[in-house]
């Protein structure tokens, strides 16, 4: 049964390419670049963090198969953006810039996030 009023996914404050720090979980304290954001699940893939082992069958890409280590998605709430100015984790706000466009802003320094 399709619901005519489906919930719209929340506006996420983290985007692909951002430098983030993991604030909880097994990879706590690690920093990395966001490789992919999975909006529907509120999760993100972070480079070099939350590494899991996957057992794979032999295929064209990996003829021998075996155990492969790869990144698993992390919930957005466990990530914090790194402030470009101070290099420390910061919360993210949004405000209008001079052109009247909504931009992301680092709460710690007030800098616009590119």
PDB file of N, CA and C in Angstrom:
ATOM      1  N   UNK A   1       0.834  -1.192   0.000  1.00  0.00           N
ATOM      2  CA  UNK A   1       0.000   0.000   0.000  1.00  0.00           C
ATOM      3  C   UNK A   1       0.871   1.244   0.000  1.00  0.00           C
ATOM      4  N   UNK A   2       0.787   2.005  -1.055  1.00  0.00           N
ATOM      5  CA  UNK A   2       1.592   3.216  -1.162  1.00  0.00           C
ATOM      6  C   UNK A   2       0.933   4.346  -0.379  1.00  0.00           C
ATOM      7  N   UNK A   3       1.708   4.954   0.493  1.00  0.00           N
ATOM      8  CA  UNK A   3       1.204   6.065   1.284  1.00  0.00           C
ATOM      9  C   UNK A   3       1.399   7.349   0.494  1.00  0.00           C
ATOM     10  N   UNK A   4       0.317   8.121   0.309  1.00  0.00           N
ATOM     11  CA  UNK A   4       0.410   9.329  -0.497  1.00  0.00           C
ATOM     12  C   UNK A   4       1.239  10.416   0.179  1.00  0.00           C
ATOM     13  N   UNK A   5       1.322  10.372   1.513  1.00  0.00           N
ATOM     14  CA  UNK A   5       2.114  11.377   2.236  1.00  0.00           C
ATOM     15  C   UNK A   5       3.371  10.712   2.779  1.00  0.00           C
ATOM     16  N   UNK A   6       4.358  10.546   1.909  1.00  0.00           N
ATOM     17  CA  UNK A   6       5.602   9.913   2.342  1.00  0.00           C
ATOM     18  C   UNK A   6       6.518  10.956   2.965  1.00  0.00           C
ATOM     19  N   UNK A   7       7.234  10.546   3.996  1.00  0.00           N
ATOM     20  CA  UNK A   7       8.148  11.457   4.675  1.00  0.00           C
ATOM     21  C   UNK A   7       9.294  11.834   3.742  1.00  0.00           C
ATOM     22  N   UNK A   8       9.573  13.130   3.663  1.00  0.00           N
ATOM     23  CA  UNK A   8      10.683  13.615   2.855  1.00  0.00           C
ATOM     24  C   UNK A   8      11.970  13.421   3.656  1.00  0.00           C
ATOM     25  N   UNK A   9      13.047  12.955   3.024  1.00  0.00           N
ATOM     26  CA  UNK A   9      14.282  12.768   3.788  1.00  0.00           C
ATOM     27  C   UNK A   9      14.789  14.094   4.342  1.00  0.00           C
ATOM     28  N   UNK A  10      15.370  14.050   5.543  1.00  0.00           N
ATOM     29  CA  UNK A  10      15.868  15.251   6.197  1.00  0.00           C
ATOM     30  C   UNK A  10      17.024  15.856   5.421  1.00  0.00           C
ATOM     31  N   UNK A  11      17.194  17.157   5.516  1.00  0.00           N
ATOM     32  CA  UNK A  11      18.318  17.843   4.878  1.00  0.00           C
ATOM     33  C   UNK A  11      19.563  17.518   5.696  1.00  0.00           C
ATOM     34  N   UNK A  12      20.503  16.822   5.071  1.00  0.00           N
ATOM     35  CA  UNK A  12      21.706  16.410   5.782  1.00  0.00           C
ATOM     36  C   UNK A  12      22.755  17.518   5.740  1.00  0.00           C
ATOM     37  N   UNK A  13      23.519  17.614   6.822  1.00  0.00           N
ATOM     38  CA  UNK A  13      24.504  18.683   6.928  1.00  0.00           C
ATOM     39  C   UNK A  13      25.883  18.227   6.484  1.00  0.00           C
ATOM     40  N   UNK A  14      25.978  16.961   6.075  1.00  0.00           N
ATOM     41  CA  UNK A  14      27.250  16.420   5.607  1.00  0.00           C
ATOM     42  C   UNK A  14      27.093  16.008   4.154  1.00  0.00           C
ATOM     43  N   UNK A  15      28.088  16.357   3.343  1.00  0.00           N
ATOM     44  CA  UNK A  15      28.036  16.057   1.908  1.00  0.00           C
ATOM     45  C   UNK A  15      29.270  15.292   1.469  1.00  0.00           C
ATOM     46  N   UNK A  16      29.188  14.715   0.289  1.00  0.00           N
ATOM     47  CA  UNK A  16      30.316  13.999  -0.306  1.00  0.00           C
ATOM     48  C   UNK A  16      31.498  14.960  -0.437  1.00  0.00           C
ATOM     49  N   UNK A  17      32.680  14.485  -0.046  1.00  0.00           N
ATOM     50  CA  UNK A  17      33.882  15.305  -0.155  1.00  0.00           C
ATOM     51  C   UNK A  17      34.245  16.046   1.115  1.00  0.00           C
ATOM     52  N   UNK A  18      33.333  16.124   2.087  1.00  0.00           N
ATOM     53  CA  UNK A  18      33.617  16.800   3.356  1.00  0.00           C
ATOM     54  C   UNK A  18      34.633  16.011   4.171  1.00  0.00           C
ATOM     55  N   UNK A  19      35.436  16.721   4.962  1.00  0.00           N
ATOM     56  CA  UNK A  19      36.346  16.079   5.903  1.00  0.00           C
ATOM     57  C   UNK A  19      35.604  15.986   7.236  1.00  0.00           C
ATOM     58  N   UNK A  20      35.460  14.756   7.747  1.00  0.00           N
ATOM     59  CA  UNK A  20      34.702  14.551   8.981  1.00  0.00           C
ATOM     60  C   UNK A  20      35.520  13.774  10.001  1.00  0.00           C
ATOM     61  N   UNK A  21      35.072  13.873  11.261  1.00  0.00           N
ATOM     62  CA  UNK A  21      35.654  13.079  12.339  1.00  0.00           C
ATOM     63  C   UNK A  21      34.551  12.215  12.912  1.00  0.00           C
ATOM     64  N   UNK A  22      34.902  10.976  13.273  1.00  0.00           N
ATOM     65  CA  UNK A  22      33.926  10.066  13.852  1.00  0.00           C
ATOM     66  C   UNK A  22      33.920  10.291  15.358  1.00  0.00           C
ATOM     67  N   UNK A  23      32.732  10.543  15.914  1.00  0.00           N
ATOM     68  CA  UNK A  23      32.653  10.907  17.326  1.00  0.00           C
ATOM     69  C   UNK A  23      32.177   9.769  18.221  1.00  0.00           C
ATOM     70  N   UNK A  24      31.753   8.646  17.624  1.00  0.00           N
ATOM     71  CA  UNK A  24      31.401   7.494  18.459  1.00  0.00           C
ATOM     72  C   UNK A  24      31.508   6.211  17.654  1.00  0.00           C
ATOM     73  N   UNK A  25      31.609   5.103  18.370  1.00  0.00           N
ATOM     74  CA  UNK A  25      31.725   3.801  17.725  1.00  0.00           C
ATOM     75  C   UNK A  25      33.158   3.303  17.737  1.00  0.00           C
ATOM     76  N   UNK A  26      33.398   2.187  17.041  1.00  0.00           N
ATOM     77  CA  UNK A  26      34.717   1.551  17.027  1.00  0.00           C
ATOM     78  C   UNK A  26      35.790   2.437  16.391  1.00  0.00           C
ATOM     79  N   UNK A  27      35.400   3.261  15.437  1.00  0.00           N
ATOM     80  CA  UNK A  27      36.370   4.106  14.723  1.00  0.00           C
ATOM     81  C   UNK A  27      36.458   5.504  15.325  1.00  0.00           C
ATOM     82  N   UNK A  28      36.015   5.664  16.567  1.00  0.00           N
ATOM     83  CA  UNK A  28      35.976   6.977  17.219  1.00  0.00           C
ATOM     84  C   UNK A  28      37.331   7.678  17.138  1.00  0.00           C
ATOM     85  N   UNK A  29      37.296   8.966  16.754  1.00  0.00           N
ATOM     86  CA  UNK A  29      38.509   9.765  16.677  1.00  0.00           C
ATOM     87  C   UNK A  29      39.148   9.790  15.306  1.00  0.00           C
ATOM     88  N   UNK A  30      38.790   8.857  14.446  1.00  0.00           N
ATOM     89  CA  UNK A  30      39.374   8.829  13.104  1.00  0.00           C
ATOM     90  C   UNK A  30      38.788   9.953  12.248  1.00  0.00           C
ATOM     91  N   UNK A  31      39.621  10.454  11.341  1.00  0.00           N
ATOM     92  CA  UNK A  31      39.168  11.463  10.399  1.00  0.00           C
ATOM     93  C   UNK A  31      39.265  10.907   8.994  1.00  0.00           C
ATOM     94  N   UNK A  32      38.373  11.345   8.142  1.00  0.00           N
ATOM     95  CA  UNK A  32      38.413  10.889   6.760  1.00  0.00           C
ATOM     96  C   UNK A  32      37.465  11.694   5.896  1.00  0.00           C
ATOM     97  N   UNK A  33      37.607  11.476   4.590  1.00  0.00           N
ATOM     98  CA  UNK A  33      36.781  12.166   3.610  1.00  0.00           C
ATOM     99  C   UNK A  33      35.516  11.338   3.367  1.00  0.00           C
ATOM    100  N   UNK A  34      34.384  12.019   3.212  1.00  0.00           N
ATOM    101  CA  UNK A  34      33.127  11.331   2.919  1.00  0.00           C
ATOM    102  C   UNK A  34      33.154  10.899   1.458  1.00  0.00           C
ATOM    103  N   UNK A  35      33.030   9.589   1.228  1.00  0.00           N
ATOM    104  CA  UNK A  35      33.056   9.043  -0.133  1.00  0.00           C
ATOM    105  C   UNK A  35      31.669   9.034  -0.757  1.00  0.00           C
ATOM    106  N   UNK A  36      30.652   8.813   0.086  1.00  0.00           N
ATOM    107  CA  UNK A  36      29.283   8.692  -0.416  1.00  0.00           C
ATOM    108  C   UNK A  36      28.324   8.957   0.727  1.00  0.00           C
ATOM    109  N   UNK A  37      27.197   9.607   0.432  1.00  0.00           N
ATOM    110  CA  UNK A  37      26.151   9.825   1.426  1.00  0.00           C
ATOM    111  C   UNK A  37      24.915   9.055   0.984  1.00  0.00           C
ATOM    112  N   UNK A  38      24.397   8.216   1.885  1.00  0.00           N
ATOM    113  CA  UNK A  38      23.199   7.431   1.596  1.00  0.00           C
ATOM    114  C   UNK A  38      22.039   8.122   2.306  1.00  0.00           C
ATOM    115  N   UNK A  39      21.343   8.995   1.578  1.00  0.00           N
ATOM    116  CA  UNK A  39      20.323   9.867   2.160  1.00  0.00           C
ATOM    117  C   UNK A  39      19.178   9.075   2.781  1.00  0.00           C
ATOM    118  N   UNK A  40      18.741   8.047   2.090  1.00  0.00           N
ATOM    119  CA  UNK A  40      17.572   7.278   2.555  1.00  0.00           C
ATOM    120  C   UNK A  40      17.804   6.628   3.913  1.00  0.00           C
ATOM    121  N   UNK A  41      19.055   6.256   4.217  1.00  0.00           N
ATOM    122  CA  UNK A  41      19.364   5.612   5.496  1.00  0.00           C
ATOM    123  C   UNK A  41      20.046   6.545   6.495  1.00  0.00           C
ATOM    124  N   UNK A  42      20.241   7.814   6.125  1.00  0.00           N
ATOM    125  CA  UNK A  42      20.976   8.768   6.972  1.00  0.00           C
ATOM    126  C   UNK A  42      22.366   8.255   7.330  1.00  0.00           C
ATOM    127  N   UNK A  43      23.061   7.692   6.359  1.00  0.00           N
ATOM    128  CA  UNK A  43      24.393   7.138   6.594  1.00  0.00           C
ATOM    129  C   UNK A  43      25.388   7.675   5.579  1.00  0.00           C
ATOM    130  N   UNK A  44      26.673   7.520   5.906  1.00  0.00           N
ATOM    131  CA  UNK A  44      27.730   7.973   5.001  1.00  0.00           C
ATOM    132  C   UNK A  44      28.888   6.996   5.032  1.00  0.00           C
ATOM    133  N   UNK A  45      29.582   6.873   3.902  1.00  0.00           N
ATOM    134  CA  UNK A  45      30.802   6.071   3.817  1.00  0.00           C
ATOM    135  C   UNK A  45      31.982   7.010   4.036  1.00  0.00           C
ATOM    136  N   UNK A  46      32.827   6.695   5.013  1.00  0.00           N
ATOM    137  CA  UNK A  46      33.989   7.533   5.308  1.00  0.00           C
ATOM    138  C   UNK A  46      35.251   6.759   4.984  1.00  0.00           C
ATOM    139  N   UNK A  47      36.157   7.408   4.261  1.00  0.00           N
ATOM    140  CA  UNK A  47      37.400   6.806   3.804  1.00  0.00           C
ATOM    141  C   UNK A  47      38.243   6.336   4.996  1.00  0.00           C
ATOM    142  N   UNK A  48      38.568   5.041   5.021  1.00  0.00           N
ATOM    143  CA  UNK A  48      39.463   4.485   6.035  1.00  0.00           C
ATOM    144  C   UNK A  48      38.854   4.303   7.412  1.00  0.00           C
ATOM    145  N   UNK A  49      37.531   4.407   7.533  1.00  0.00           N
ATOM    146  CA  UNK A  49      36.889   4.260   8.839  1.00  0.00           C
ATOM    147  C   UNK A  49      35.792   3.211   8.777  1.00  0.00           C
ATOM    148  N   UNK A  50      35.503   2.596   9.920  1.00  0.00           N
ATOM    149  CA  UNK A  50      34.468   1.567  10.040  1.00  0.00           C
ATOM    150  C   UNK A  50      34.733   0.433   9.043  1.00  0.00           C
ATOM    151  N   UNK A  51      35.950  -0.096   9.069  1.00  0.00           N
ATOM    152  CA  UNK A  51      36.369  -1.157   8.147  1.00  0.00           C
ATOM    153  C   UNK A  51      35.775  -2.495   8.597  1.00  0.00           C
ATOM    154  N   UNK A  52      35.163  -3.209   7.652  1.00  0.00           N
ATOM    155  CA  UNK A  52      34.597  -4.531   7.927  1.00  0.00           C
ATOM    156  C   UNK A  52      35.198  -5.541   6.959  1.00  0.00           C
ATOM    157  N   UNK A  53      35.189  -6.818   7.357  1.00  0.00           N
ATOM    158  CA  UNK A  53      35.694  -7.888   6.488  1.00  0.00           C
ATOM    159  C   UNK A  53      34.527  -8.529   5.771  1.00  0.00           C
ATOM    160  N   UNK A  54      34.661  -8.698   4.474  1.00  0.00           N
ATOM    161  CA  UNK A  54      33.620  -9.332   3.661  1.00  0.00           C
ATOM    162  C   UNK A  54      34.204 -10.569   3.000  1.00  0.00           C
ATOM    163  N   UNK A  55      33.512 -11.688   3.126  1.00  0.00           N
ATOM    164  CA  UNK A  55      33.931 -12.908   2.443  1.00  0.00           C
ATOM    165  C   UNK A  55      33.315 -12.886   1.053  1.00  0.00           C
ATOM    166  N   UNK A  56      34.152 -12.991   0.027  1.00  0.00           N
ATOM    167  CA  UNK A  56      33.641 -12.907  -1.339  1.00  0.00           C
ATOM    168  C   UNK A  56      33.981 -14.143  -2.147  1.00  0.00           C
ATOM    169  N   UNK A  57      33.062 -14.482  -3.036  1.00  0.00           N
ATOM    170  CA  UNK A  57      33.274 -15.596  -3.963  1.00  0.00           C
ATOM    171  C   UNK A  57      34.177 -15.104  -5.085  1.00  0.00           C
ATOM    172  N   UNK A  58      34.861 -16.004  -5.749  1.00  0.00           N
ATOM    173  CA  UNK A  58      35.664 -15.577  -6.899  1.00  0.00           C
ATOM    174  C   UNK A  58      34.788 -14.941  -7.981  1.00  0.00           C
ATOM    175  N   UNK A  59      35.256 -13.833  -8.552  1.00  0.00           N
ATOM    176  CA  UNK A  59      34.546 -13.175  -9.648  1.00  0.00           C
ATOM    177  C   UNK A  59      35.574 -12.533 -10.578  1.00  0.00           C
ATOM    178  N   UNK A  60      35.115 -11.840 -11.594  1.00  0.00           N
ATOM    179  CA  UNK A  60      36.020 -11.253 -12.584  1.00  0.00           C
ATOM    180  C   UNK A  60      36.979 -10.247 -11.942  1.00  0.00           C
ATOM    181  N   UNK A  61      36.471  -9.430 -11.033  1.00  0.00           N
ATOM    182  CA  UNK A  61      37.302  -8.415 -10.398  1.00  0.00           C
ATOM    183  C   UNK A  61      38.302  -9.036  -9.424  1.00  0.00           C
ATOM    184  N   UNK A  62      37.878 -10.104  -8.754  1.00  0.00           N
ATOM    185  CA  UNK A  62      38.727 -10.755  -7.758  1.00  0.00           C
ATOM    186  C   UNK A  62      38.717 -12.263  -8.019  1.00  0.00           C
ATOM    187  N   UNK A  63      39.607 -12.764  -8.906  1.00  0.00           N
ATOM    188  CA  UNK A  63      39.553 -14.159  -9.344  1.00  0.00           C
ATOM    189  C   UNK A  63      39.733 -15.203  -8.230  1.00  0.00           C
ATOM    190  N   UNK A  64      40.434 -14.820  -7.155  1.00  0.00           N
ATOM    191  CA  UNK A  64      40.650 -15.787  -6.076  1.00  0.00           C
ATOM    192  C   UNK A  64      39.570 -15.760  -5.003  1.00  0.00           C
ATOM    193  N   UNK A  65      38.784 -14.685  -4.942  1.00  0.00           N
ATOM    194  CA  UNK A  65      37.810 -14.553  -3.871  1.00  0.00           C
ATOM    195  C   UNK A  65      38.541 -14.256  -2.576  1.00  0.00           C
ATOM    196  N   UNK A  66      37.986 -14.687  -1.452  1.00  0.00           N
ATOM    197  CA  UNK A  66      38.651 -14.518  -0.163  1.00  0.00           C
ATOM    198  C   UNK A  66      38.035 -13.413   0.666  1.00  0.00           C
ATOM    199  N   UNK A  67      38.798 -12.934   1.644  1.00  0.00           N
ATOM    200  CA  UNK A  67      38.302 -11.924   2.571  1.00  0.00           C
ATOM    201  C   UNK A  67      38.787 -10.546   2.117  1.00  0.00           C
ATOM    202  N   UNK A  68      37.840  -9.631   1.969  1.00  0.00           N
ATOM    203  CA  UNK A  68      38.147  -8.268   1.533  1.00  0.00           C
ATOM    204  C   UNK A  68      37.755  -7.303   2.645  1.00  0.00           C
ATOM    205  N   UNK A  69      38.625  -6.357   2.933  1.00  0.00           N
ATOM    206  CA  UNK A  69      38.314  -5.324   3.927  1.00  0.00           C
ATOM    207  C   UNK A  69      37.784  -4.110   3.185  1.00  0.00           C
ATOM    208  N   UNK A  70      36.635  -3.584   3.651  1.00  0.00           N
ATOM    209  CA  UNK A  70      36.077  -2.391   3.024  1.00  0.00           C
ATOM    210  C   UNK A  70      35.321  -1.545   4.035  1.00  0.00           C
ATOM    211  N   UNK A  71      35.044  -0.301   3.653  1.00  0.00           N
ATOM    212  CA  UNK A  71      34.343   0.612   4.542  1.00  0.00           C
ATOM    213  C   UNK A  71      32.856   0.278   4.580  1.00  0.00           C
ATOM    214  N   UNK A  72      32.280   0.382   5.777  1.00  0.00           N
ATOM    215  CA  UNK A  72      30.835   0.203   5.928  1.00  0.00           C
ATOM    216  C   UNK A  72      30.235   1.571   6.267  1.00  0.00           C
ATOM    217  N   UNK A  73      28.966   1.790   5.922  1.00  0.00           N
ATOM    218  CA  UNK A  73      28.342   3.090   6.199  1.00  0.00           C
ATOM    219  C   UNK A  73      28.230   3.353   7.711  1.00  0.00           C
ATOM    220  N   UNK A  74      28.370   4.630   8.072  1.00  0.00           N
ATOM    221  CA  UNK A  74      28.248   5.085   9.461  1.00  0.00           C
ATOM    222  C   UNK A  74      27.077   6.050   9.522  1.00  0.00           C
ATOM    223  N   UNK A  75      26.330   6.010  10.617  1.00  0.00           N
ATOM    224  CA  UNK A  75      25.199   6.927  10.760  1.00  0.00           C
ATOM    225  C   UNK A  75      25.703   8.364  10.843  1.00  0.00           C
ATOM    226  N   UNK A  76      24.968   9.275  10.201  1.00  0.00           N
ATOM    227  CA  UNK A  76      25.352  10.685  10.118  1.00  0.00           C
ATOM    228  C   UNK A  76      25.527  11.298  11.515  1.00  0.00           C
ATOM    229  N   UNK A  77      24.727  10.837  12.489  1.00  0.00           N
ATOM    230  CA  UNK A  77      24.798  11.404  13.839  1.00  0.00           C
ATOM    231  C   UNK A  77      26.129  11.109  14.517  1.00  0.00           C
ATOM    232  N   UNK A  78      26.878  10.139  14.005  1.00  0.00           N
ATOM    233  CA  UNK A  78      28.178   9.793  14.584  1.00  0.00           C
ATOM    234  C   UNK A  78      29.336  10.511  13.899  1.00  0.00           C
ATOM    235  N   UNK A  79      29.021  11.456  13.018  1.00  0.00           N
ATOM    236  CA  UNK A  79      30.042  12.197  12.284  1.00  0.00           C
ATOM    237  C   UNK A  79      29.963  13.676  12.629  1.00  0.00           C
ATOM    238  N   UNK A  80      31.120  14.332  12.642  1.00  0.00           N
ATOM    239  CA  UNK A  80      31.168  15.772  12.849  1.00  0.00           C
ATOM    240  C   UNK A  80      32.109  16.373  11.818  1.00  0.00           C
ATOM    241  N   UNK A  81      31.684  17.444  11.214  1.00  0.00           N
ATOM    242  CA  UNK A  81      32.474  18.123  10.196  1.00  0.00           C
ATOM    243  C   UNK A  81      33.721  18.742  10.820  1.00  0.00           C
ATOM    244  N   UNK A  82      34.845  18.709  10.102  1.00  0.00           N
ATOM    245  CA  UNK A  82      36.079  19.343  10.571  1.00  0.00           C
ATOM    246  C   UNK A  82      36.101  20.780  10.040  1.00  0.00           C
ATOM    247  N   UNK A  83      36.270  21.734  10.959  1.00  0.00           N
ATOM    248  CA  UNK A  83      36.330  23.154  10.605  1.00  0.00           C
ATOM    249  C   UNK A  83      37.625  23.427   9.845  1.00  0.00           C
ATOM    250  N   UNK A  84      37.529  24.031   8.669  1.00  0.00           N
ATOM    251  CA  UNK A  84      38.711  24.295   7.835  1.00  0.00           C
ATOM    252  C   UNK A  84      39.664  25.278   8.511  1.00  0.00           C
ATOM    253  N   UNK A  85      39.124  26.206   9.290  1.00  0.00           N
ATOM    254  CA  UNK A  85      39.946  27.237   9.925  1.00  0.00           C
ATOM    255  C   UNK A  85      40.738  26.684  11.113  1.00  0.00           C
ATOM    256  N   UNK A  86      40.040  26.010  12.041  1.00  0.00           N
ATOM    257  CA  UNK A  86      40.693  25.550  13.275  1.00  0.00           C
ATOM    258  C   UNK A  86      41.154  24.101  13.215  1.00  0.00           C
ATOM    259  N   UNK A  87      40.594  23.312  12.292  1.00  0.00           N
ATOM    260  CA  UNK A  87      40.946  21.894  12.197  1.00  0.00           C
ATOM    261  C   UNK A  87      40.287  21.049  13.270  1.00  0.00           C
ATOM    262  N   UNK A  88      39.304  21.606  13.973  1.00  0.00           N
ATOM    263  CA  UNK A  88      38.598  20.886  15.032  1.00  0.00           C
ATOM    264  C   UNK A  88      37.171  20.564  14.576  1.00  0.00           C
ATOM    265  N   UNK A  89      36.552  19.542  15.197  1.00  0.00           N
ATOM    266  CA  UNK A  89      35.169  19.213  14.832  1.00  0.00           C
ATOM    267  C   UNK A  89      34.220  20.361  15.185  1.00  0.00           C
ATOM    268  N   UNK A  90      33.232  20.580  14.347  1.00  0.00           N
ATOM    269  CA  UNK A  90      32.275  21.656  14.578  1.00  0.00           C
ATOM    270  C   UNK A  90      30.885  21.227  14.156  1.00  0.00           C
ATOM    271  N   UNK A  91      29.887  21.860  14.763  1.00  0.00           N
ATOM    272  CA  UNK A  91      28.516  21.651  14.313  1.00  0.00           C
ATOM    273  C   UNK A  91      28.312  22.488  13.062  1.00  0.00           C
ATOM    274  N   UNK A  92      27.236  22.197  12.338  1.00  0.00           N
ATOM    275  CA  UNK A  92      26.979  22.883  11.075  1.00  0.00           C
ATOM    276  C   UNK A  92      25.654  23.615  11.149  1.00  0.00           C
ATOM    277  N   UNK A  93      25.668  24.886  10.755  1.00  0.00           N
ATOM    278  CA  UNK A  93      24.446  25.669  10.671  1.00  0.00           C
ATOM    279  C   UNK A  93      24.233  26.085   9.231  1.00  0.00           C
ATOM    280  N   UNK A  94      23.098  26.731   8.994  1.00  0.00           N
ATOM    281  CA  UNK A  94      22.821  27.227   7.643  1.00  0.00           C
ATOM    282  C   UNK A  94      22.353  28.664   7.748  1.00  0.00           C
ATOM    283  N   UNK A  95      22.862  29.516   6.859  1.00  0.00           N
ATOM    284  CA  UNK A  95      22.358  30.882   6.820  1.00  0.00           C
ATOM    285  C   UNK A  95      22.505  31.464   5.429  1.00  0.00           C
ATOM    286  N   UNK A  96      21.819  32.570   5.208  1.00  0.00           N
ATOM    287  CA  UNK A  96      21.843  33.221   3.901  1.00  0.00           C
ATOM    288  C   UNK A  96      23.145  33.986   3.727  1.00  0.00           C
ATOM    289  N   UNK A  97      23.764  33.850   2.551  1.00  0.00           N
ATOM    290  CA  UNK A  97      24.978  34.622   2.270  1.00  0.00           C
ATOM    291  C   UNK A  97      24.608  35.924   1.565  1.00  0.00           C
ATOM    292  N   UNK A  98      25.592  36.663   1.112  1.00  0.00           N
ATOM    293  CA  UNK A  98      25.365  37.966   0.475  1.00  0.00           C
ATOM    294  C   UNK A  98      24.491  37.860  -0.775  1.00  0.00           C
ATOM    295  N   UNK A  99      24.589  36.717  -1.483  1.00  0.00           N
ATOM    296  CA  UNK A  99      23.799  36.531  -2.705  1.00  0.00           C
ATOM    297  C   UNK A  99      22.367  36.088  -2.416  1.00  0.00           C
ATOM    298  N   UNK A 100      22.036  35.919  -1.138  1.00  0.00           N
ATOM    299  CA  UNK A 100      20.701  35.459  -0.764  1.00  0.00           C
ATOM    300  C   UNK A 100      20.540  33.959  -0.927  1.00  0.00           C
ATOM    301  N   UNK A 101      21.656  33.229  -0.890  1.00  0.00           N
ATOM    302  CA  UNK A 101      21.641  31.784  -1.064  1.00  0.00           C
ATOM    303  C   UNK A 101      21.919  31.114   0.275  1.00  0.00           C
ATOM    304  N   UNK A 102      21.222  30.012   0.563  1.00  0.00           N
ATOM    305  CA  UNK A 102      21.458  29.288   1.818  1.00  0.00           C
ATOM    306  C   UNK A 102      22.779  28.537   1.715  1.00  0.00           C
ATOM    307  N   UNK A 103      23.676  28.771   2.670  1.00  0.00           N
ATOM    308  CA  UNK A 103      24.967  28.086   2.681  1.00  0.00           C
ATOM    309  C   UNK A 103      25.193  27.450   4.046  1.00  0.00           C
ATOM    310  N   UNK A 104      26.061  26.421   4.062  1.00  0.00           N
ATOM    311  CA  UNK A 104      26.427  25.779   5.320  1.00  0.00           C
ATOM    312  C   UNK A 104      27.500  26.611   6.007  1.00  0.00           C
ATOM    313  N   UNK A 105      27.387  26.728   7.340  1.00  0.00           N
ATOM    314  CA  UNK A 105      28.309  27.547   8.115  1.00  0.00           C
ATOM    315  C   UNK A 105      28.820  26.731   9.290  1.00  0.00           C
ATOM    316  N   UNK A 106      30.143  26.815   9.562  1.00  0.00           N
ATOM    317  CA  UNK A 106      30.726  26.148  10.725  1.00  0.00           C
ATOM    318  C   UNK A 106      30.371  26.967  11.961  1.00  0.00           C
ATOM    319  N   UNK A 107      29.791  26.317  12.976  1.00  0.00           N
ATOM    320  CA  UNK A 107      29.362  27.022  14.177  1.00  0.00           C
ATOM    321  C   UNK A 107      30.550  27.540  14.981  1.00  0.00           C
ATOM    322  N   UNK A 108      31.681  26.818  14.953  1.00  0.00           N
ATOM    323  CA  UNK A 108      32.836  27.213  15.760  1.00  0.00           C
ATOM    324  C   UNK A 108      33.469  28.507  15.271  1.00  0.00           C
ATOM    325  N   UNK A 109      33.714  28.591  13.955  1.00  0.00           N
ATOM    326  CA  UNK A 109      34.433  29.758  13.426  1.00  0.00           C
ATOM    327  C   UNK A 109      33.524  30.737  12.694  1.00  0.00           C
ATOM    328  N   UNK A 110      32.326  30.309  12.349  1.00  0.00           N
ATOM    329  CA  UNK A 110      31.433  31.162  11.566  1.00  0.00           C
ATOM    330  C   UNK A 110      31.763  31.188  10.080  1.00  0.00           C
ATOM    331  N   UNK A 111      32.786  30.405   9.684  1.00  0.00           N
ATOM    332  CA  UNK A 111      33.218  30.349   8.286  1.00  0.00           C
ATOM    333  C   UNK A 111      32.190  29.621   7.429  1.00  0.00           C
ATOM    334  N   UNK A 112      32.072  30.062   6.177  1.00  0.00           N
ATOM    335  CA  UNK A 112      31.219  29.358   5.217  1.00  0.00           C
ATOM    336  C   UNK A 112      31.927  28.076   4.790  1.00  0.00           C
ATOM    337  N   UNK A 113      31.186  26.988   4.681  1.00  0.00           N
ATOM    338  CA  UNK A 113      31.750  25.703   4.281  1.00  0.00           C
ATOM    339  C   UNK A 113      31.632  25.574   2.776  1.00  0.00           C
ATOM    340  N   UNK A 114      32.782  25.396   2.122  1.00  0.00           N
ATOM    341  CA  UNK A 114      32.788  25.288   0.655  1.00  0.00           C
ATOM    342  C   UNK A 114      32.438  23.874   0.241  1.00  0.00           C
TER     343      UNK A 114
END
